[in-house]
Protein backbone atom coordinates (compact mmCIF):
# COMPACT_ATOMS: atom_id res chain seq x y z
CA MET A 1 30.69 -49.53 197.69
CA GLU A 2 29.71 -53.29 198.65
CA GLU A 3 29.32 -53.54 202.55
CA LYS A 4 32.86 -56.00 202.75
CA VAL A 5 34.33 -53.90 200.95
CA GLU A 6 33.19 -50.86 203.21
CA GLN A 7 33.76 -52.91 206.29
CA ALA A 8 37.44 -53.87 205.12
CA TYR A 9 38.37 -50.29 204.20
CA LEU A 10 37.37 -49.16 207.40
CA TYR A 11 38.82 -52.05 209.61
CA ASP A 12 42.15 -51.19 207.53
CA PHE A 13 42.12 -47.67 208.98
CA TYR A 14 41.08 -47.75 212.05
CA GLY A 15 40.65 -51.70 213.54
CA GLU A 16 43.80 -50.66 215.73
CA LEU A 17 41.20 -48.43 217.44
CA LEU A 18 39.41 -52.01 218.19
CA ASN A 19 40.22 -54.02 221.39
CA GLU A 20 41.89 -57.60 220.86
CA HIS A 21 38.91 -59.35 221.25
CA GLN A 22 36.91 -57.04 219.10
CA ARG A 23 39.08 -57.05 216.28
CA ARG A 24 39.63 -61.40 216.15
CA ILE A 25 35.88 -61.52 215.74
CA TYR A 26 35.55 -58.51 213.32
CA GLU A 27 38.08 -60.49 210.94
CA ASP A 28 36.95 -63.81 211.70
CA PHE A 29 33.47 -61.88 209.84
CA VAL A 30 34.69 -60.04 207.63
CA PHE A 31 38.11 -60.85 206.52
CA ASN A 32 37.97 -65.00 207.14
CA ASP A 33 33.89 -65.15 205.93
CA LEU A 34 33.26 -67.08 208.78
CA SER A 35 29.47 -67.57 210.29
CA LEU A 36 27.88 -65.74 213.77
CA GLY A 37 27.57 -69.76 214.58
CA GLU A 38 31.29 -70.78 213.81
CA ILE A 39 32.24 -67.76 215.52
CA ALA A 40 30.36 -67.76 218.16
CA SER A 41 31.21 -71.76 218.90
CA CYS A 42 35.01 -70.77 218.52
CA GLU A 43 34.55 -68.22 220.78
CA GLY A 44 32.47 -69.46 223.27
CA ILE A 45 29.82 -66.71 223.11
CA SER A 46 26.18 -66.99 221.61
CA ARG A 47 25.44 -66.22 217.98
CA GLN A 48 23.46 -62.97 219.32
CA GLY A 49 26.38 -61.66 220.86
CA VAL A 50 28.79 -62.22 218.37
CA HIS A 51 26.40 -60.11 215.51
CA ASP A 52 25.41 -57.78 218.78
CA LEU A 53 29.57 -57.24 218.68
CA ILE A 54 29.84 -56.93 215.13
CA LYS A 55 27.28 -54.43 215.04
CA ARG A 56 28.77 -52.00 217.57
CA CYS A 57 32.00 -52.40 215.99
CA ASN A 58 30.74 -51.22 212.62
CA LYS A 59 29.32 -48.54 214.24
CA MET A 60 32.40 -47.68 215.81
CA LEU A 61 34.54 -48.01 212.54
CA GLU A 62 31.58 -45.76 211.06
CA GLY A 63 31.77 -42.91 213.78
CA TYR A 64 35.58 -42.87 213.36
CA GLU A 65 35.41 -42.48 209.41
CA GLU A 66 32.14 -39.87 210.08
CA LYS A 67 34.96 -37.75 212.00
CA LEU A 68 38.20 -38.36 210.41
CA HIS A 69 37.18 -39.10 206.92
CA LEU A 70 40.29 -40.93 206.20
CA VAL A 71 39.03 -43.66 203.75
CA LYS A 72 36.91 -40.93 201.70
CA LYS A 73 40.08 -39.32 201.06
CA PHE A 74 41.45 -42.25 200.60
CA LEU A 75 39.58 -43.57 197.48
CA GLU A 76 39.39 -40.01 196.08
CA THR A 77 42.97 -39.84 196.14
CA LYS A 78 43.12 -43.41 194.78
CA GLN A 79 40.71 -42.29 191.62
CA LYS A 80 42.61 -38.96 191.21
CA VAL A 81 46.01 -41.55 190.66
CA GLU A 82 44.24 -43.96 188.51
CA GLU A 83 43.27 -40.33 186.32
CA ILE A 84 46.95 -39.48 186.02
CA ASN A 85 47.91 -42.64 185.28
CA LYS A 86 44.89 -43.20 182.03
CA LEU A 87 46.60 -39.60 181.04
CA ALA A 88 49.97 -40.41 181.17
CA GLU A 89 48.91 -43.62 178.71
CA SER A 90 47.31 -40.77 176.17
CA PHE A 91 50.77 -38.70 176.67
CA ARG A 92 52.57 -41.91 175.02
CA ALA A 93 49.77 -41.50 172.84
CA GLY A 94 50.57 -37.97 171.63
CA ARG A 95 48.26 -35.58 173.10
CA LYS A 96 50.86 -34.20 175.31
CA ASP A 97 49.80 -30.39 175.73
CA THR A 98 46.03 -31.34 176.70
CA VAL A 99 47.64 -34.06 178.91
CA ILE A 100 49.63 -31.70 181.05
CA ASP A 101 46.87 -29.32 181.69
CA GLU A 102 45.03 -32.25 183.24
CA ILE A 103 48.16 -33.92 185.31
CA GLU A 104 48.90 -30.34 186.38
CA ARG A 105 45.30 -29.54 187.63
CA ILE A 106 44.76 -33.27 189.08
CA SER A 107 48.13 -32.99 191.06
CA GLY A 108 46.71 -29.87 192.12
CA GLU A 109 43.61 -30.96 193.90
CA ILE A 110 45.63 -33.47 195.18
CA LEU A 111 48.10 -31.32 196.57
CA GLU A 112 45.13 -29.03 198.01
CA GLU A 113 43.71 -32.27 199.75
CA LEU A 114 46.80 -33.11 201.60
């Protein structure tokens, strides 16, 4: 997964666990695509300070994911729902029996994970 996309997912799930200062700087870097220098200038800290803070935030967010696996579970469930959508299209095309079996299998996997 692309680094910025991964950072966005981690922030979506665990960003509230960062303090306000960390969130503001992390959002500027990841979502607003500001450079380290631009953020440093706005925040009145050094470029190295911004770099270190973003690195620490990444490490914290990755640590939460290692323990809770919320992003992993979300992405797996999303992929299974996409499979169900494709199967629904096949169902409309007339391959009903095999489609129903596949939908039951996938929905069973989702229910087990929940």
